[in-house]
Structures are given as C-alpha cells and as structure tokens.
Amino acid sequence: MTHSRRFQIRWLIPLAGALLAAPCAAQSGGESYLARAWKLGAKESLSITDVQLHRPIYAIVRTSSEVNQRPSSPVHPPRAPEDWDPTELKIQLSAKSELVATESLRPLGTDNLRLWLAYTQQSHLQIFNVGNSPLFRENNFEPELILTYDNSGARSDLKLVNLGLLHQSNGEPRPDSRSWHRLYLQGGWERGKLSLLARAWWRILEETSDDDNPDITEYLGRGDLVLHWQPARDSTVCLLVRHNYRAGSGRGYGQLDWSTPLRWGRVRVHVQASAGYGESLIDYNHKQTTFGLGVSFGDW
C-alpha cells in the first residue's frame, strides 16, 4: 500500500467518527432549510467546537454506466487501464464550524456576518473488487473558507450571500493528480419549502508546470445551482446542476438526491442518481451515469 493510500485511510476513519458523533444541523423545528444550515437570524455566536452539517453525510453503494479505466488530462496521457469495478461504495463526510463570532464584528457596525471553516471529503471504495488491491479508487479533499452575509431580516427572498475560497484535490501523485482553487460568490433564495443556492466561481490559475488539469473548467463548469425541496415534513429532495456556460458543448452535470428517515435516530434512506462529467475529480473529463442507494445522517 502506498503512502498516499495509508494517509487516506488514516484520516478517513477518525473523521467519520468525529462527524457522526458531532451535533448535526439543528432539526427542523419550524426553521427553514437555509436558516438552520447557515444560522440565519441567530444572534448568538457559535464555538469553533460547534460542528454542524455542511453538505449531506452519506454512504451509498453506487454503480456506473461507464467506468473511467484510463484517466487522462491534456498534460497526462492515458495510463495502463485499471480493472475498476463499476459498483463501489461512495462515502461523503462534510461539516463546518464558525471561525469568527458575530459579536466580534459588532464594533465594525454589523452583526450580519459569519466566517465559516468547512471541510468535505468524498471517497470511492472498491469494496466489491476482490481482484484489485487498492481499496480506494479515489478520495477528494475539499477545505473551504466561507464568509456569510445574513440578509434574512430584509423583506426579500434573497436570504444570504456567501463569499468563499475553496481548494479541491485528490491527493494523488502524478499522473493521477487533480486539483484546483476557486473563489466564488453565492446567493441563497428561499420561498416556502423551496430553497435555491446559485454560485458562480473564478478559478485561481496555477503555474503551467503545476497544473495537472488546465481544462477543468470546461468540464466542471463555472458555477452551479442547488435546488433544495422538502415536499413532506421529513423527506428531502436536492438537485445539483452545473455547466460550463458554453452553448452546444454538452458538458454539464446533474445530481439528484432523495432521502427520508428510517424508524431509528437520524439515519435516513438515501437515493442518488447522477449524469454527466465530473462525478469525482479523477473523472472530471469523463462522462457517465450513476445510481446509488444507501443511508445518510442528520437533517439536511
């Protein structure tokens, strides 16, 4: 097992335990999705130890219509094909915590800002592939800084504005290394049970010699939309769509998630379907359709 694989396993297990044991986003209690996810309207300050959900935490078994056996990029030609199984275990862990308290900003004349530190990790495990030694096909690591402006007090459907700085990478050596840095602006609108988060980003350019994926925005796009709907008291539907904004390119991605609680605790049945480019970083320029079934945790 390589150093990279050992690093991934060592960090995945304690992170999973910490996040699942930590307090998740507040249960609905009449609050809207954006209000509980971003503490809109709340004047109390959070502690750095108050961890809450950022994106859904789930574990699903998912299968792909076309596995990327020979990953490549403009600077890395296809390598020898891997014998990856189309069915694998996909795990997502995600949490955020407040870095700067709202009360610290009151001397500046505002208590409408929060600064968050967020982290998301997505792992693809080849648990059904007995003939291939690597357990992890890929891990994606995504730390993030987010400054949130709370606009929930205004008479407007626009409830928040986020300014974010995001790094995403898979921690692999070349030729499988993939990474990029983004600065983004995001707005959050809400009406009734329907919430919309719209985001546009700018990729922070790297030195040509360090860029393993110079065409990544042509596939992973220049922004995304997240539509969140709670048609029933406990069921949740979430649609993610992104595109490169080039007419006729056909390079986009859509992901539909649905969950509903089981009879015990915060465990939920989770169904996921996706189609397009970039289901993971190593697949940023690979098109496929996936379907997964499993469980998610917490109220998202």
C-alpha atoms as a PDB file:
ATOM      1  CA  MET A   1       0.000   0.000   0.000  1.00  0.00           C
ATOM      2  CA  THR A   2       1.390   3.406  -0.981  1.00  0.00           C
ATOM      3  CA  HIS A   3       1.969   6.322   1.396  1.00  0.00           C
ATOM      4  CA  SER A   4      -0.965   8.133  -0.248  1.00  0.00           C
ATOM      5  CA  ARG A   5      -3.324   5.216   0.478  1.00  0.00           C
ATOM      6  CA  ARG A   6      -2.168   4.956   4.111  1.00  0.00           C
ATOM      7  CA  PHE A   7      -2.716   8.711   4.534  1.00  0.00           C
ATOM      8  CA  GLN A   8      -6.254   8.439   3.161  1.00  0.00           C
ATOM      9  CA  ILE A   9      -7.247   5.542   5.404  1.00  0.00           C
ATOM     10  CA  ARG A  10      -5.677   7.130   8.497  1.00  0.00           C
ATOM     11  CA  TRP A  11      -7.695  10.321   8.087  1.00  0.00           C
ATOM     12  CA  LEU A  12     -10.977   8.859   6.838  1.00  0.00           C
ATOM     13  CA  ILE A  13     -11.725   6.713   9.912  1.00  0.00           C
ATOM     14  CA  PRO A  14     -11.297   9.344  12.683  1.00  0.00           C
ATOM     15  CA  LEU A  15     -13.031  11.986  10.592  1.00  0.00           C
ATOM     16  CA  ALA A  16     -16.049   9.733  10.118  1.00  0.00           C
ATOM     17  CA  GLY A  17     -16.259   9.098  13.856  1.00  0.00           C
ATOM     18  CA  ALA A  18     -15.904  12.764  14.759  1.00  0.00           C
ATOM     19  CA  LEU A  19     -18.527  13.969  12.312  1.00  0.00           C
ATOM     20  CA  LEU A  20     -21.099  11.317  13.120  1.00  0.00           C
ATOM     21  CA  ALA A  21     -20.674  11.955  16.838  1.00  0.00           C
ATOM     22  CA  ALA A  22     -20.803  15.745  16.462  1.00  0.00           C
ATOM     23  CA  PRO A  23     -24.070  17.671  16.671  1.00  0.00           C
ATOM     24  CA  CYS A  24     -25.565  17.882  13.204  1.00  0.00           C
ATOM     25  CA  ALA A  25     -27.530  20.796  11.825  1.00  0.00           C
ATOM     26  CA  ALA A  26     -30.446  21.675  14.022  1.00  0.00           C
ATOM     27  CA  GLN A  27     -33.556  19.593  13.459  1.00  0.00           C
ATOM     28  CA  SER A  28     -36.216  21.434  11.530  1.00  0.00           C
ATOM     29  CA  GLY A  29     -38.251  22.759  14.494  1.00  0.00           C
ATOM     30  CA  GLY A  30     -40.114  25.047  12.080  1.00  0.00           C
ATOM     31  CA  GLU A  31     -36.920  26.639  10.745  1.00  0.00           C
ATOM     32  CA  SER A  32     -36.374  26.855   7.016  1.00  0.00           C
ATOM     33  CA  TYR A  33     -33.533  24.933   5.403  1.00  0.00           C
ATOM     34  CA  LEU A  34     -31.296  27.981   4.826  1.00  0.00           C
ATOM     35  CA  ALA A  35     -31.989  29.323   8.316  1.00  0.00           C
ATOM     36  CA  ARG A  36     -30.844  26.172  10.083  1.00  0.00           C
ATOM     37  CA  ALA A  37     -27.981  25.426   7.653  1.00  0.00           C
ATOM     38  CA  TRP A  38     -26.453  28.924   7.953  1.00  0.00           C
ATOM     39  CA  LYS A  39     -27.831  30.109  11.331  1.00  0.00           C
ATOM     40  CA  LEU A  40     -29.758  32.911   9.667  1.00  0.00           C
ATOM     41  CA  GLY A  41     -31.378  35.317  12.083  1.00  0.00           C
ATOM     42  CA  ALA A  42     -29.493  33.867  15.051  1.00  0.00           C
ATOM     43  CA  LYS A  43     -27.573  36.435  17.078  1.00  0.00           C
ATOM     44  CA  GLU A  44     -25.729  34.024  19.324  1.00  0.00           C
ATOM     45  CA  SER A  45     -22.154  33.147  18.482  1.00  0.00           C
ATOM     46  CA  LEU A  46     -21.023  29.607  17.864  1.00  0.00           C
ATOM     47  CA  SER A  47     -17.888  28.000  19.232  1.00  0.00           C
ATOM     48  CA  ILE A  48     -15.204  26.538  16.966  1.00  0.00           C
ATOM     49  CA  THR A  49     -16.136  23.216  18.580  1.00  0.00           C
ATOM     50  CA  ASP A  50     -19.800  23.552  17.492  1.00  0.00           C
ATOM     51  CA  VAL A  51     -19.653  21.416  14.371  1.00  0.00           C
ATOM     52  CA  GLN A  52     -22.671  21.143  12.095  1.00  0.00           C
ATOM     53  CA  LEU A  53     -23.509  19.706   8.713  1.00  0.00           C
ATOM     54  CA  HIS A  54     -22.223  21.479   5.636  1.00  0.00           C
ATOM     55  CA  ARG A  55     -23.282  19.028   2.941  1.00  0.00           C
ATOM     56  CA  PRO A  56     -25.038  15.676   3.390  1.00  0.00           C
ATOM     57  CA  ILE A  57     -23.141  12.892   5.140  1.00  0.00           C
ATOM     58  CA  TYR A  58     -23.911   9.608   3.412  1.00  0.00           C
ATOM     59  CA  ALA A  59     -22.695   6.142   2.493  1.00  0.00           C
ATOM     60  CA  ILE A  60     -24.174   4.637  -0.660  1.00  0.00           C
ATOM     61  CA  VAL A  61     -23.470   1.710  -2.923  1.00  0.00           C
ATOM     62  CA  ARG A  62     -23.438   3.133  -6.423  1.00  0.00           C
ATOM     63  CA  THR A  63     -22.888   1.722  -9.886  1.00  0.00           C
ATOM     64  CA  SER A  64     -21.596   3.463 -13.019  1.00  0.00           C
ATOM     65  CA  SER A  65     -22.675   3.053 -16.629  1.00  0.00           C
ATOM     66  CA  GLU A  66     -19.087   3.550 -17.847  1.00  0.00           C
ATOM     67  CA  VAL A  67     -16.120   3.271 -15.517  1.00  0.00           C
ATOM     68  CA  ASN A  68     -13.126   5.500 -16.214  1.00  0.00           C
ATOM     69  CA  GLN A  69     -10.494   2.786 -16.610  1.00  0.00           C
ATOM     70  CA  ARG A  70      -7.868   5.102 -18.182  1.00  0.00           C
ATOM     71  CA  PRO A  71      -7.935   8.576 -16.575  1.00  0.00           C
ATOM     72  CA  SER A  72      -6.188  11.304 -18.556  1.00  0.00           C
ATOM     73  CA  SER A  73      -5.799  15.054 -18.929  1.00  0.00           C
ATOM     74  CA  PRO A  74      -4.183  17.332 -21.547  1.00  0.00           C
ATOM     75  CA  VAL A  75      -0.853  17.072 -19.710  1.00  0.00           C
ATOM     76  CA  HIS A  76      -1.157  13.432 -18.624  1.00  0.00           C
ATOM     77  CA  PRO A  77      -1.826  10.851 -21.378  1.00  0.00           C
ATOM     78  CA  PRO A  78      -3.919   7.771 -20.528  1.00  0.00           C
ATOM     79  CA  ARG A  79      -2.027   5.266 -18.445  1.00  0.00           C
ATOM     80  CA  ALA A  80      -2.399   1.487 -18.423  1.00  0.00           C
ATOM     81  CA  PRO A  81      -6.041   0.566 -17.782  1.00  0.00           C
ATOM     82  CA  GLU A  82      -7.182  -0.350 -14.297  1.00  0.00           C
ATOM     83  CA  ASP A  83      -9.629  -3.139 -13.603  1.00  0.00           C
ATOM     84  CA  TRP A  84     -12.090  -0.977 -11.671  1.00  0.00           C
ATOM     85  CA  ASP A  85     -15.467  -2.449 -10.753  1.00  0.00           C
ATOM     86  CA  PRO A  86     -18.484  -0.364 -11.843  1.00  0.00           C
ATOM     87  CA  THR A  87     -20.078  -0.869  -8.411  1.00  0.00           C
ATOM     88  CA  GLU A  88     -18.406   0.690  -5.395  1.00  0.00           C
ATOM     89  CA  LEU A  89     -19.045   2.303  -2.014  1.00  0.00           C
ATOM     90  CA  LYS A  90     -19.258   6.097  -2.101  1.00  0.00           C
ATOM     91  CA  ILE A  91     -18.880   7.966   1.201  1.00  0.00           C
ATOM     92  CA  GLN A  92     -19.267  11.698   1.760  1.00  0.00           C
ATOM     93  CA  LEU A  93     -18.340  13.426   5.025  1.00  0.00           C
ATOM     94  CA  SER A  94     -18.929  17.147   5.438  1.00  0.00           C
ATOM     95  CA  ALA A  95     -19.027  19.636   8.300  1.00  0.00           C
ATOM     96  CA  LYS A  96     -18.482  23.304   9.088  1.00  0.00           C
ATOM     97  CA  SER A  97     -17.807  25.432  12.134  1.00  0.00           C
ATOM     98  CA  GLU A  98     -17.804  29.157  12.826  1.00  0.00           C
ATOM     99  CA  LEU A  99     -14.360  30.760  12.972  1.00  0.00           C
ATOM    100  CA  VAL A 100     -15.289  34.361  13.790  1.00  0.00           C
ATOM    101  CA  ALA A 101     -18.146  35.120  16.159  1.00  0.00           C
ATOM    102  CA  THR A 102     -20.836  37.583  15.125  1.00  0.00           C
ATOM    103  CA  GLU A 103     -20.304  39.540  18.353  1.00  0.00           C
ATOM    104  CA  SER A 104     -16.665  40.139  17.360  1.00  0.00           C
ATOM    105  CA  LEU A 105     -17.889  42.076  14.330  1.00  0.00           C
ATOM    106  CA  ARG A 106     -20.369  44.320  16.145  1.00  0.00           C
ATOM    107  CA  PRO A 107     -17.743  47.028  16.764  1.00  0.00           C
ATOM    108  CA  LEU A 108     -17.498  47.256  12.974  1.00  0.00           C
ATOM    109  CA  GLY A 109     -21.179  48.114  12.799  1.00  0.00           C
ATOM    110  CA  THR A 110     -22.582  44.737  11.716  1.00  0.00           C
ATOM    111  CA  ASP A 111     -23.768  41.507  13.283  1.00  0.00           C
ATOM    112  CA  ASN A 112     -24.884  40.030   9.944  1.00  0.00           C
ATOM    113  CA  LEU A 113     -21.618  38.268   9.106  1.00  0.00           C
ATOM    114  CA  ARG A 114     -20.282  34.834   9.983  1.00  0.00           C
ATOM    115  CA  LEU A 115     -16.975  33.317   8.917  1.00  0.00           C
ATOM    116  CA  TRP A 116     -17.041  29.547   8.495  1.00  0.00           C
ATOM    117  CA  LEU A 117     -14.409  26.871   8.068  1.00  0.00           C
ATOM    118  CA  ALA A 118     -15.837  23.891   6.157  1.00  0.00           C
ATOM    119  CA  TYR A 119     -14.445  20.551   5.084  1.00  0.00           C
ATOM    120  CA  THR A 120     -15.860  17.922   2.731  1.00  0.00           C
ATOM    121  CA  GLN A 121     -14.340  14.573   1.870  1.00  0.00           C
ATOM    122  CA  GLN A 122     -15.677  12.187  -0.725  1.00  0.00           C
ATOM    123  CA  SER A 123     -14.284   8.661  -1.016  1.00  0.00           C
ATOM    124  CA  HIS A 124     -14.840   5.921  -3.584  1.00  0.00           C
ATOM    125  CA  LEU A 125     -14.061   2.450  -2.240  1.00  0.00           C
ATOM    126  CA  GLN A 126     -13.757  -0.643  -4.431  1.00  0.00           C
ATOM    127  CA  ILE A 127     -15.135  -2.971  -1.781  1.00  0.00           C
ATOM    128  CA  PHE A 128     -16.617  -5.387  -4.341  1.00  0.00           C
ATOM    129  CA  ASN A 129     -13.455  -5.627  -6.426  1.00  0.00           C
ATOM    130  CA  VAL A 130     -11.680  -8.627  -4.935  1.00  0.00           C
ATOM    131  CA  GLY A 131      -9.178  -8.831  -7.794  1.00  0.00           C
ATOM    132  CA  ASN A 132      -7.780  -5.305  -7.427  1.00  0.00           C
ATOM    133  CA  SER A 133      -5.556  -4.458  -4.467  1.00  0.00           C
ATOM    134  CA  PRO A 134      -6.243  -0.676  -3.962  1.00  0.00           C
ATOM    135  CA  LEU A 135      -9.288  -0.227  -1.736  1.00  0.00           C
ATOM    136  CA  PHE A 136      -9.671   3.473  -2.541  1.00  0.00           C
ATOM    137  CA  ARG A 137     -10.217   4.312  -6.189  1.00  0.00           C
ATOM    138  CA  GLU A 138     -10.128   7.983  -5.251  1.00  0.00           C
ATOM    139  CA  ASN A 139     -10.504  10.477  -2.417  1.00  0.00           C
ATOM    140  CA  ASN A 140     -11.471  14.119  -2.923  1.00  0.00           C
ATOM    141  CA  PHE A 141     -10.467  16.619  -0.212  1.00  0.00           C
ATOM    142  CA  GLU A 142     -12.223  19.992  -0.069  1.00  0.00           C
ATOM    143  CA  PRO A 143     -11.403  22.561   2.655  1.00  0.00           C
ATOM    144  CA  GLU A 144     -13.276  25.843   2.377  1.00  0.00           C
ATOM    145  CA  LEU A 145     -13.489  29.317   3.934  1.00  0.00           C
ATOM    146  CA  ILE A 146     -16.915  30.994   3.705  1.00  0.00           C
ATOM    147  CA  LEU A 147     -17.979  34.493   4.692  1.00  0.00           C
ATOM    148  CA  THR A 148     -21.783  34.628   5.030  1.00  0.00           C
ATOM    149  CA  TYR A 149     -23.856  37.798   4.913  1.00  0.00           C
ATOM    150  CA  ASP A 150     -27.204  37.225   6.627  1.00  0.00           C
ATOM    151  CA  ASN A 151     -29.972  39.012   4.724  1.00  0.00           C
ATOM    152  CA  SER A 152     -32.848  37.169   6.381  1.00  0.00           C
ATOM    153  CA  GLY A 153     -34.048  40.318   8.136  1.00  0.00           C
ATOM    154  CA  ALA A 154     -34.836  42.061   4.851  1.00  0.00           C
ATOM    155  CA  ARG A 155     -38.176  41.721   3.089  1.00  0.00           C
ATOM    156  CA  SER A 156     -36.693  39.772   0.240  1.00  0.00           C
ATOM    157  CA  ASP A 157     -36.461  36.190  -0.997  1.00  0.00           C
ATOM    158  CA  LEU A 158     -32.665  36.660  -1.002  1.00  0.00           C
ATOM    159  CA  LYS A 159     -31.700  35.276   2.404  1.00  0.00           C
ATOM    160  CA  LEU A 160     -27.902  35.132   2.261  1.00  0.00           C
ATOM    161  CA  VAL A 161     -24.792  35.925   0.252  1.00  0.00           C
ATOM    162  CA  ASN A 162     -21.675  33.759   0.557  1.00  0.00           C
ATOM    163  CA  LEU A 163     -18.150  34.655  -0.472  1.00  0.00           C
ATOM    164  CA  GLY A 164     -15.988  31.548  -0.489  1.00  0.00           C
ATOM    165  CA  LEU A 165     -12.428  30.354  -1.076  1.00  0.00           C
ATOM    166  CA  LEU A 166     -12.217  26.654  -1.907  1.00  0.00           C
ATOM    167  CA  HIS A 167      -9.470  24.117  -2.590  1.00  0.00           C
ATOM    168  CA  GLN A 168     -10.216  20.694  -4.037  1.00  0.00           C
ATOM    169  CA  SER A 169      -7.720  17.923  -4.719  1.00  0.00           C
ATOM    170  CA  ASN A 170      -7.444  14.145  -4.763  1.00  0.00           C
ATOM    171  CA  GLY A 171      -4.042  13.852  -3.076  1.00  0.00           C
ATOM    172  CA  GLU A 172      -2.696  11.512  -5.741  1.00  0.00           C
ATOM    173  CA  PRO A 173       0.787  11.563  -7.295  1.00  0.00           C
ATOM    174  CA  ARG A 174       1.141  12.264 -10.985  1.00  0.00           C
ATOM    175  CA  PRO A 175      -0.215  11.264 -13.454  1.00  0.00           C
ATOM    176  CA  ASP A 176      -3.439  10.906 -11.415  1.00  0.00           C
ATOM    177  CA  SER A 177      -3.080  14.179  -9.519  1.00  0.00           C
ATOM    178  CA  ARG A 178      -6.049  16.545  -9.923  1.00  0.00           C
ATOM    179  CA  SER A 179      -6.613  19.838  -8.086  1.00  0.00           C
ATOM    180  CA  TRP A 180      -7.893  23.390  -8.388  1.00  0.00           C
ATOM    181  CA  HIS A 181      -8.567  26.502  -6.309  1.00  0.00           C
ATOM    182  CA  ARG A 182     -11.679  28.649  -6.634  1.00  0.00           C
ATOM    183  CA  LEU A 183     -13.052  31.942  -5.389  1.00  0.00           C
ATOM    184  CA  TYR A 184     -16.847  32.039  -5.547  1.00  0.00           C
ATOM    185  CA  LEU A 185     -19.897  34.194  -4.936  1.00  0.00           C
ATOM    186  CA  GLN A 186     -23.143  32.501  -3.947  1.00  0.00           C
ATOM    187  CA  GLY A 187     -26.655  33.726  -3.306  1.00  0.00           C
ATOM    188  CA  GLY A 188     -29.361  31.890  -1.376  1.00  0.00           C
ATOM    189  CA  TRP A 189     -33.065  32.408  -2.067  1.00  0.00           C
ATOM    190  CA  GLU A 190     -35.969  30.813  -0.273  1.00  0.00           C
ATOM    191  CA  ARG A 191     -39.720  30.708  -0.564  1.00  0.00           C
ATOM    192  CA  GLY A 192     -41.776  28.276   1.453  1.00  0.00           C
ATOM    193  CA  LYS A 193     -40.279  24.772   1.256  1.00  0.00           C
ATOM    194  CA  LEU A 194     -38.167  25.604  -1.783  1.00  0.00           C
ATOM    195  CA  SER A 195     -34.589  26.904  -1.499  1.00  0.00           C
ATOM    196  CA  LEU A 196     -32.154  27.863  -4.242  1.00  0.00           C
ATOM    197  CA  LEU A 197     -28.387  28.353  -3.936  1.00  0.00           C
ATOM    198  CA  ALA A 198     -26.767  29.827  -7.049  1.00  0.00           C
ATOM    199  CA  ARG A 199     -22.989  30.069  -7.265  1.00  0.00           C
ATOM    200  CA  ALA A 200     -20.501  31.431  -9.797  1.00  0.00           C
ATOM    201  CA  TRP A 201     -16.766  30.847  -9.398  1.00  0.00           C
ATOM    202  CA  TRP A 202     -13.444  32.008 -10.732  1.00  0.00           C
ATOM    203  CA  ARG A 203     -10.604  29.543 -10.920  1.00  0.00           C
ATOM    204  CA  ILE A 204      -7.349  30.776  -9.363  1.00  0.00           C
ATOM    205  CA  LEU A 205      -4.757  29.974 -12.002  1.00  0.00           C
ATOM    206  CA  GLU A 206      -1.678  27.903 -11.241  1.00  0.00           C
ATOM    207  CA  GLU A 207       1.781  27.788 -12.753  1.00  0.00           C
ATOM    208  CA  THR A 208       1.629  25.833 -16.009  1.00  0.00           C
ATOM    209  CA  SER A 209       4.149  23.313 -14.702  1.00  0.00           C
ATOM    210  CA  ASP A 210       1.951  22.629 -11.640  1.00  0.00           C
ATOM    211  CA  ASP A 211      -1.399  22.430 -13.421  1.00  0.00           C
ATOM    212  CA  ASP A 212      -2.478  18.805 -13.870  1.00  0.00           C
ATOM    213  CA  ASN A 213      -5.875  19.724 -15.326  1.00  0.00           C
ATOM    214  CA  PRO A 214      -5.714  23.007 -17.287  1.00  0.00           C
ATOM    215  CA  ASP A 215      -9.112  22.429 -18.932  1.00  0.00           C
ATOM    216  CA  ILE A 216     -11.038  21.591 -15.773  1.00  0.00           C
ATOM    217  CA  THR A 217     -13.496  24.500 -16.017  1.00  0.00           C
ATOM    218  CA  GLU A 218     -14.536  23.292 -19.475  1.00  0.00           C
ATOM    219  CA  TYR A 219     -15.916  20.159 -17.777  1.00  0.00           C
ATOM    220  CA  LEU A 220     -16.680  21.085 -14.161  1.00  0.00           C
ATOM    221  CA  GLY A 221     -18.095  24.391 -15.243  1.00  0.00           C
ATOM    222  CA  ARG A 222     -18.042  27.944 -13.952  1.00  0.00           C
ATOM    223  CA  GLY A 223     -20.876  27.729 -11.466  1.00  0.00           C
ATOM    224  CA  ASP A 224     -23.666  25.590 -10.082  1.00  0.00           C
ATOM    225  CA  LEU A 225     -27.249  25.627  -8.862  1.00  0.00           C
ATOM    226  CA  VAL A 226     -28.554  23.674  -5.876  1.00  0.00           C
ATOM    227  CA  LEU A 227     -32.329  23.324  -5.540  1.00  0.00           C
ATOM    228  CA  HIS A 228     -33.480  22.058  -2.130  1.00  0.00           C
ATOM    229  CA  TRP A 229     -37.090  20.979  -1.579  1.00  0.00           C
ATOM    230  CA  GLN A 230     -38.875  19.418   1.368  1.00  0.00           C
ATOM    231  CA  PRO A 231     -42.169  18.198  -0.093  1.00  0.00           C
ATOM    232  CA  ALA A 232     -43.099  16.409   3.134  1.00  0.00           C
ATOM    233  CA  ARG A 233     -42.217  17.027   6.769  1.00  0.00           C
ATOM    234  CA  ASP A 234     -39.175  14.765   6.734  1.00  0.00           C
ATOM    235  CA  SER A 235     -38.411  13.896   3.106  1.00  0.00           C
ATOM    236  CA  THR A 236     -35.781  15.932   1.268  1.00  0.00           C
ATOM    237  CA  VAL A 237     -35.086  16.317  -2.446  1.00  0.00           C
ATOM    238  CA  CYS A 238     -31.906  18.055  -3.638  1.00  0.00           C
ATOM    239  CA  LEU A 239     -30.921  18.772  -7.255  1.00  0.00           C
ATOM    240  CA  LEU A 240     -27.397  19.900  -8.167  1.00  0.00           C
ATOM    241  CA  VAL A 241     -26.739  21.208 -11.686  1.00  0.00           C
ATOM    242  CA  ARG A 242     -23.563  22.684 -13.146  1.00  0.00           C
ATOM    243  CA  HIS A 243     -22.441  23.684 -16.633  1.00  0.00           C
ATOM    244  CA  ASN A 244     -19.542  25.384 -18.367  1.00  0.00           C
ATOM    245  CA  TYR A 245     -21.881  28.043 -19.838  1.00  0.00           C
ATOM    246  CA  ARG A 246     -20.757  27.277 -23.393  1.00  0.00           C
ATOM    247  CA  ALA A 247     -23.694  26.718 -25.729  1.00  0.00           C
ATOM    248  CA  GLY A 248     -23.578  23.426 -27.564  1.00  0.00           C
ATOM    249  CA  SER A 249     -20.723  21.974 -25.522  1.00  0.00           C
ATOM    250  CA  GLY A 250     -22.923  19.420 -23.789  1.00  0.00           C
ATOM    251  CA  ARG A 251     -20.523  19.430 -20.847  1.00  0.00           C
ATOM    252  CA  GLY A 252     -22.600  19.542 -17.730  1.00  0.00           C
ATOM    253  CA  TYR A 253     -23.504  17.519 -14.688  1.00  0.00           C
ATOM    254  CA  GLY A 254     -26.667  16.811 -12.749  1.00  0.00           C
ATOM    255  CA  GLN A 255     -27.130  15.011  -9.450  1.00  0.00           C
ATOM    256  CA  LEU A 256     -30.445  14.215  -7.777  1.00  0.00           C
ATOM    257  CA  ASP A 257     -30.584  13.151  -4.111  1.00  0.00           C
ATOM    258  CA  TRP A 258     -33.647  11.993  -2.187  1.00  0.00           C
ATOM    259  CA  SER A 259     -33.797  10.931   1.449  1.00  0.00           C
ATOM    260  CA  THR A 260     -36.398  10.057   4.055  1.00  0.00           C
ATOM    261  CA  PRO A 261     -35.937   8.991   7.701  1.00  0.00           C
ATOM    262  CA  LEU A 262     -35.884   5.418   8.900  1.00  0.00           C
ATOM    263  CA  ARG A 263     -37.526   4.437  12.167  1.00  0.00           C
ATOM    264  CA  TRP A 264     -34.447   4.991  14.313  1.00  0.00           C
ATOM    265  CA  GLY A 265     -32.342   8.035  15.124  1.00  0.00           C
ATOM    266  CA  ARG A 266     -31.034  10.302  12.404  1.00  0.00           C
ATOM    267  CA  VAL A 267     -30.458   7.550   9.864  1.00  0.00           C
ATOM    268  CA  ARG A 268     -32.172   8.120   6.534  1.00  0.00           C
ATOM    269  CA  VAL A 269     -32.683   6.107   3.356  1.00  0.00           C
ATOM    270  CA  HIS A 270     -30.695   7.875   0.629  1.00  0.00           C
ATOM    271  CA  VAL A 271     -31.092   7.519  -3.132  1.00  0.00           C
ATOM    272  CA  GLN A 272     -28.758   9.271  -5.580  1.00  0.00           C
ATOM    273  CA  ALA A 273     -28.635   9.471  -9.368  1.00  0.00           C
ATOM    274  CA  SER A 274     -26.157  11.466 -11.467  1.00  0.00           C
ATOM    275  CA  ALA A 275     -25.269  12.027 -15.115  1.00  0.00           C
ATOM    276  CA  GLY A 276     -22.530  13.990 -16.882  1.00  0.00           C
ATOM    277  CA  TYR A 277     -18.913  14.985 -16.312  1.00  0.00           C
ATOM    278  CA  GLY A 278     -17.034  15.157 -13.024  1.00  0.00           C
ATOM    279  CA  GLU A 279     -18.699  12.756 -10.615  1.00  0.00           C
ATOM    280  CA  SER A 280     -15.268  12.803  -8.957  1.00  0.00           C
ATOM    281  CA  LEU A 281     -12.055  14.727  -9.666  1.00  0.00           C
ATOM    282  CA  ILE A 282     -10.262  11.913 -11.491  1.00  0.00           C
ATOM    283  CA  ASP A 283     -13.377  11.720 -13.696  1.00  0.00           C
ATOM    284  CA  TYR A 284     -13.559  15.460 -14.369  1.00  0.00           C
ATOM    285  CA  ASN A 285     -13.425  14.919 -18.159  1.00  0.00           C
ATOM    286  CA  HIS A 286     -15.223  11.560 -18.162  1.00  0.00           C
ATOM    287  CA  LYS A 287     -18.953  11.228 -18.844  1.00  0.00           C
ATOM    288  CA  GLN A 288     -21.017   8.620 -17.043  1.00  0.00           C
ATOM    289  CA  THR A 289     -24.365   7.895 -15.431  1.00  0.00           C
ATOM    290  CA  THR A 290     -24.520   6.566 -11.866  1.00  0.00           C
ATOM    291  CA  PHE A 291     -27.189   5.298  -9.495  1.00  0.00           C
ATOM    292  CA  GLY A 292     -26.735   4.698  -5.774  1.00  0.00           C
ATOM    293  CA  LEU A 293     -28.678   3.532  -2.735  1.00  0.00           C
ATOM    294  CA  GLY A 294     -27.651   3.771   0.913  1.00  0.00           C
ATOM    295  CA  VAL A 295     -28.065   5.827   4.060  1.00  0.00           C
ATOM    296  CA  SER A 296     -27.456   9.429   5.085  1.00  0.00           C
ATOM    297  CA  PHE A 297     -27.253  11.026   8.527  1.00  0.00           C
ATOM    298  CA  GLY A 298     -28.669  14.175  10.075  1.00  0.00           C
ATOM    299  CA  ASP A 299     -31.188  16.717   8.889  1.00  0.00           C
ATOM    300  CA  TRP A 300     -30.103  18.273   5.595  1.00  0.00           C
END
